[in-house]
Amino acid sequence: MPTLLLIIVFGLAGGIAVGLQTPMASTITERIGVMESAFIVHLGGAVAAGLILLVVQRGGKLADWHRLPWYTLGAGVLGLVVLSSVSYTIPRVGAVPTTMLIVAGQLVIGVLIDQFGLLGVDVRPVNLTRLAGIVVLCVGTWIVVRSA
């Protein structure tokens, strides 16, 4: 499989996972609460990752966690923000507008990260093509959210 096709497949798989995870987390939130939902979702992910690390990778490089930049340890906290925002938004506007808002937010922060090389990412300046795509996505998101 060519590299570009593999990238597209993995990217779509991530999008499908987010699309499935968000209504599941929202259901947990509606029935037992936001922090309970976050705990259950993160616990499930931790167990799955732990099993893969132990069985498939024999521990991998987990012992080197202390070599990570300090700010990367906040990724789990950001996961709480994602789950909380999704759990709040889906019951109010639905899965499609929620997903579009998530993608729009990712796009905006992604542009800033690329533009300024934040968080160790190579600088990739915004060009007119990227800017046009961002504008189209943001306008589309606004239309979908307003019609919800």
C-alpha atoms as a PDB file:
ATOM      1  CA  MET A   1       0.000   0.000   0.000  1.00  0.00           C
ATOM      2  CA  PRO A   2       1.476   3.383  -0.925  1.00  0.00           C
ATOM      3  CA  THR A   3       2.400   5.699   1.942  1.00  0.00           C
ATOM      4  CA  LEU A   4      -0.284   8.290   1.099  1.00  0.00           C
ATOM      5  CA  LEU A   5      -2.983   5.633   1.010  1.00  0.00           C
ATOM      6  CA  LEU A   6      -1.798   4.246   4.349  1.00  0.00           C
ATOM      7  CA  ILE A   7      -1.907   7.745   5.841  1.00  0.00           C
ATOM      8  CA  ILE A   8      -5.451   8.231   4.544  1.00  0.00           C
ATOM      9  CA  VAL A   9      -6.587   4.854   5.917  1.00  0.00           C
ATOM     10  CA  PHE A  10      -5.105   5.539   9.363  1.00  0.00           C
ATOM     11  CA  GLY A  11      -6.525   9.067   9.399  1.00  0.00           C
ATOM     12  CA  LEU A  12      -9.982   7.802   8.479  1.00  0.00           C
ATOM     13  CA  ALA A  13      -9.722   5.053  11.101  1.00  0.00           C
ATOM     14  CA  GLY A  14      -9.024   7.712  13.731  1.00  0.00           C
ATOM     15  CA  GLY A  15     -11.987   9.733  12.521  1.00  0.00           C
ATOM     16  CA  ILE A  16     -14.246   6.689  12.638  1.00  0.00           C
ATOM     17  CA  ALA A  17     -13.019   5.921  16.167  1.00  0.00           C
ATOM     18  CA  VAL A  18     -13.800   9.471  17.311  1.00  0.00           C
ATOM     19  CA  GLY A  19     -17.172   9.285  15.568  1.00  0.00           C
ATOM     20  CA  LEU A  20     -18.018   6.075  17.446  1.00  0.00           C
ATOM     21  CA  GLN A  21     -16.459   7.039  20.767  1.00  0.00           C
ATOM     22  CA  THR A  22     -18.263  10.355  21.123  1.00  0.00           C
ATOM     23  CA  PRO A  23     -21.850   9.065  21.244  1.00  0.00           C
ATOM     24  CA  MET A  24     -20.742   6.170  23.468  1.00  0.00           C
ATOM     25  CA  ALA A  25     -19.129   8.572  25.946  1.00  0.00           C
ATOM     26  CA  SER A  26     -22.188  10.813  25.751  1.00  0.00           C
ATOM     27  CA  THR A  27     -24.433   7.877  26.676  1.00  0.00           C
ATOM     28  CA  ILE A  28     -22.249   7.089  29.694  1.00  0.00           C
ATOM     29  CA  THR A  29     -22.369  10.764  30.718  1.00  0.00           C
ATOM     30  CA  GLU A  30     -26.148  10.974  30.430  1.00  0.00           C
ATOM     31  CA  ARG A  31     -26.604   7.866  32.574  1.00  0.00           C
ATOM     32  CA  ILE A  32     -23.959   8.286  35.283  1.00  0.00           C
ATOM     33  CA  GLY A  33     -22.043  11.591  34.852  1.00  0.00           C
ATOM     34  CA  VAL A  34     -19.210  13.418  33.091  1.00  0.00           C
ATOM     35  CA  MET A  35     -16.276  12.439  35.300  1.00  0.00           C
ATOM     36  CA  GLU A  36     -17.564   8.878  35.542  1.00  0.00           C
ATOM     37  CA  SER A  37     -17.655   8.744  31.744  1.00  0.00           C
ATOM     38  CA  ALA A  38     -14.140  10.142  31.482  1.00  0.00           C
ATOM     39  CA  PHE A  39     -12.906   7.614  34.024  1.00  0.00           C
ATOM     40  CA  ILE A  40     -14.519   4.651  32.265  1.00  0.00           C
ATOM     41  CA  VAL A  41     -13.293   5.706  28.808  1.00  0.00           C
ATOM     42  CA  HIS A  42      -9.738   6.382  29.991  1.00  0.00           C
ATOM     43  CA  LEU A  43      -9.654   3.202  32.080  1.00  0.00           C
ATOM     44  CA  GLY A  44     -10.710   1.167  29.044  1.00  0.00           C
ATOM     45  CA  GLY A  45      -7.992   2.812  26.960  1.00  0.00           C
ATOM     46  CA  ALA A  46      -5.386   2.299  29.683  1.00  0.00           C
ATOM     47  CA  VAL A  47      -6.247  -1.396  29.992  1.00  0.00           C
ATOM     48  CA  ALA A  48      -6.108  -1.893  26.209  1.00  0.00           C
ATOM     49  CA  ALA A  49      -2.800  -0.017  25.891  1.00  0.00           C
ATOM     50  CA  GLY A  50      -1.398  -1.887  28.882  1.00  0.00           C
ATOM     51  CA  LEU A  51      -2.253  -5.256  27.382  1.00  0.00           C
ATOM     52  CA  ILE A  52      -0.673  -4.304  24.047  1.00  0.00           C
ATOM     53  CA  LEU A  53       2.445  -3.038  25.834  1.00  0.00           C
ATOM     54  CA  LEU A  54       2.777  -6.176  27.930  1.00  0.00           C
ATOM     55  CA  VAL A  55       1.797  -8.858  25.425  1.00  0.00           C
ATOM     56  CA  VAL A  56       2.887  -7.490  22.065  1.00  0.00           C
ATOM     57  CA  GLN A  57       5.722  -5.110  22.916  1.00  0.00           C
ATOM     58  CA  ARG A  58       6.947  -6.639  26.182  1.00  0.00           C
ATOM     59  CA  GLY A  59       6.821  -3.301  27.962  1.00  0.00           C
ATOM     60  CA  GLY A  60       8.062  -1.207  25.060  1.00  0.00           C
ATOM     61  CA  LYS A  61       9.805   1.994  26.141  1.00  0.00           C
ATOM     62  CA  LEU A  62       7.401   2.835  28.942  1.00  0.00           C
ATOM     63  CA  ALA A  63      10.272   3.028  31.436  1.00  0.00           C
ATOM     64  CA  ASP A  64      11.552   6.092  29.546  1.00  0.00           C
ATOM     65  CA  TRP A  65       8.424   8.152  30.332  1.00  0.00           C
ATOM     66  CA  HIS A  66      10.485  10.535  32.482  1.00  0.00           C
ATOM     67  CA  ARG A  67      12.414  11.678  29.377  1.00  0.00           C
ATOM     68  CA  LEU A  68       9.313  13.215  27.825  1.00  0.00           C
ATOM     69  CA  PRO A  69       8.860  16.994  27.710  1.00  0.00           C
ATOM     70  CA  TRP A  70       6.892  18.045  30.805  1.00  0.00           C
ATOM     71  CA  TYR A  71       3.954  19.410  28.811  1.00  0.00           C
ATOM     72  CA  THR A  72       3.232  16.054  27.141  1.00  0.00           C
ATOM     73  CA  LEU A  73       2.030  14.678  30.469  1.00  0.00           C
ATOM     74  CA  GLY A  74      -1.003  16.970  30.093  1.00  0.00           C
ATOM     75  CA  ALA A  75      -2.372  14.929  27.181  1.00  0.00           C
ATOM     76  CA  GLY A  76      -4.609  12.926  29.519  1.00  0.00           C
ATOM     77  CA  VAL A  77      -6.100  16.136  30.913  1.00  0.00           C
ATOM     78  CA  LEU A  78      -6.899  17.223  27.359  1.00  0.00           C
ATOM     79  CA  GLY A  79      -8.669  13.893  26.918  1.00  0.00           C
ATOM     80  CA  LEU A  80     -10.932  14.913  29.806  1.00  0.00           C
ATOM     81  CA  VAL A  81     -11.699  18.173  28.012  1.00  0.00           C
ATOM     82  CA  VAL A  82     -12.559  16.285  24.810  1.00  0.00           C
ATOM     83  CA  LEU A  83     -14.862  13.840  26.571  1.00  0.00           C
ATOM     84  CA  SER A  84     -16.536  16.541  28.629  1.00  0.00           C
ATOM     85  CA  SER A  85     -17.168  18.773  25.624  1.00  0.00           C
ATOM     86  CA  VAL A  86     -18.504  15.880  23.554  1.00  0.00           C
ATOM     87  CA  SER A  87     -20.709  14.638  26.361  1.00  0.00           C
ATOM     88  CA  TYR A  88     -22.168  18.117  26.783  1.00  0.00           C
ATOM     89  CA  THR A  89     -22.566  18.901  23.077  1.00  0.00           C
ATOM     90  CA  ILE A  90     -24.004  15.701  21.537  1.00  0.00           C
ATOM     91  CA  PRO A  91     -27.293  15.701  23.487  1.00  0.00           C
ATOM     92  CA  ARG A  92     -27.801  19.376  22.621  1.00  0.00           C
ATOM     93  CA  VAL A  93     -26.993  19.493  18.893  1.00  0.00           C
ATOM     94  CA  GLY A  94     -26.379  15.883  17.780  1.00  0.00           C
ATOM     95  CA  ALA A  95     -23.423  13.824  16.590  1.00  0.00           C
ATOM     96  CA  VAL A  96     -22.802  15.529  13.229  1.00  0.00           C
ATOM     97  CA  PRO A  97     -22.549  19.129  14.511  1.00  0.00           C
ATOM     98  CA  THR A  98     -20.482  17.930  17.474  1.00  0.00           C
ATOM     99  CA  THR A  99     -18.080  16.081  15.197  1.00  0.00           C
ATOM    100  CA  MET A 100     -17.807  19.093  12.909  1.00  0.00           C
ATOM    101  CA  LEU A 101     -17.033  21.352  15.878  1.00  0.00           C
ATOM    102  CA  ILE A 102     -14.324  18.935  17.008  1.00  0.00           C
ATOM    103  CA  VAL A 103     -12.797  18.832  13.528  1.00  0.00           C
ATOM    104  CA  ALA A 104     -12.977  22.628  13.206  1.00  0.00           C
ATOM    105  CA  GLY A 105     -11.251  23.017  16.578  1.00  0.00           C
ATOM    106  CA  GLN A 106      -8.572  20.529  15.552  1.00  0.00           C
ATOM    107  CA  LEU A 107      -8.052  22.384  12.305  1.00  0.00           C
ATOM    108  CA  VAL A 108      -7.676  25.778  13.975  1.00  0.00           C
ATOM    109  CA  ILE A 109      -5.164  24.516  16.543  1.00  0.00           C
ATOM    110  CA  GLY A 110      -3.412  22.452  13.869  1.00  0.00           C
ATOM    111  CA  VAL A 111      -2.862  25.551  11.742  1.00  0.00           C
ATOM    112  CA  LEU A 112      -1.377  27.412  14.706  1.00  0.00           C
ATOM    113  CA  ILE A 113       0.857  24.467  15.612  1.00  0.00           C
ATOM    114  CA  ASP A 114       2.087  24.163  12.007  1.00  0.00           C
ATOM    115  CA  GLN A 115       2.485  27.912  11.476  1.00  0.00           C
ATOM    116  CA  PHE A 116       4.623  28.473  14.552  1.00  0.00           C
ATOM    117  CA  GLY A 117       6.200  25.021  14.983  1.00  0.00           C
ATOM    118  CA  LEU A 118       4.648  24.590  18.423  1.00  0.00           C
ATOM    119  CA  LEU A 119       5.092  21.453  20.532  1.00  0.00           C
ATOM    120  CA  GLY A 120       8.113  20.315  18.536  1.00  0.00           C
ATOM    121  CA  VAL A 121       6.337  20.151  15.162  1.00  0.00           C
ATOM    122  CA  ASP A 122       8.148  21.286  12.009  1.00  0.00           C
ATOM    123  CA  VAL A 123       7.038  24.720  10.779  1.00  0.00           C
ATOM    124  CA  ARG A 124       4.601  24.513   7.860  1.00  0.00           C
ATOM    125  CA  PRO A 125       3.374  28.027   7.037  1.00  0.00           C
ATOM    126  CA  VAL A 126      -0.243  28.626   6.110  1.00  0.00           C
ATOM    127  CA  ASN A 127      -0.756  29.132   2.384  1.00  0.00           C
ATOM    128  CA  LEU A 128      -3.813  30.291   0.442  1.00  0.00           C
ATOM    129  CA  THR A 129      -4.952  26.747  -0.346  1.00  0.00           C
ATOM    130  CA  ARG A 130      -4.912  25.727   3.316  1.00  0.00           C
ATOM    131  CA  LEU A 131      -6.566  28.969   4.319  1.00  0.00           C
ATOM    132  CA  ALA A 132      -9.353  28.459   1.768  1.00  0.00           C
ATOM    133  CA  GLY A 133      -9.966  24.937   3.061  1.00  0.00           C
ATOM    134  CA  ILE A 134     -10.120  26.191   6.633  1.00  0.00           C
ATOM    135  CA  VAL A 135     -12.608  28.919   5.721  1.00  0.00           C
ATOM    136  CA  VAL A 136     -14.819  26.436   3.847  1.00  0.00           C
ATOM    137  CA  LEU A 137     -14.778  24.010   6.781  1.00  0.00           C
ATOM    138  CA  CYS A 138     -15.551  26.742   9.321  1.00  0.00           C
ATOM    139  CA  VAL A 139     -18.432  28.111   7.226  1.00  0.00           C
ATOM    140  CA  GLY A 140     -19.787  24.581   6.768  1.00  0.00           C
ATOM    141  CA  THR A 141     -19.514  23.953  10.506  1.00  0.00           C
ATOM    142  CA  TRP A 142     -21.408  27.174  11.254  1.00  0.00           C
ATOM    143  CA  ILE A 143     -24.193  26.185   8.836  1.00  0.00           C
ATOM    144  CA  VAL A 144     -24.535  22.680  10.281  1.00  0.00           C
ATOM    145  CA  VAL A 145     -24.462  23.832  13.922  1.00  0.00           C
ATOM    146  CA  ARG A 146     -27.021  26.604  13.283  1.00  0.00           C
ATOM    147  CA  SER A 147     -29.404  24.148  11.644  1.00  0.00           C
ATOM    148  CA  ALA A 148     -29.166  21.657  14.541  1.00  0.00           C
END
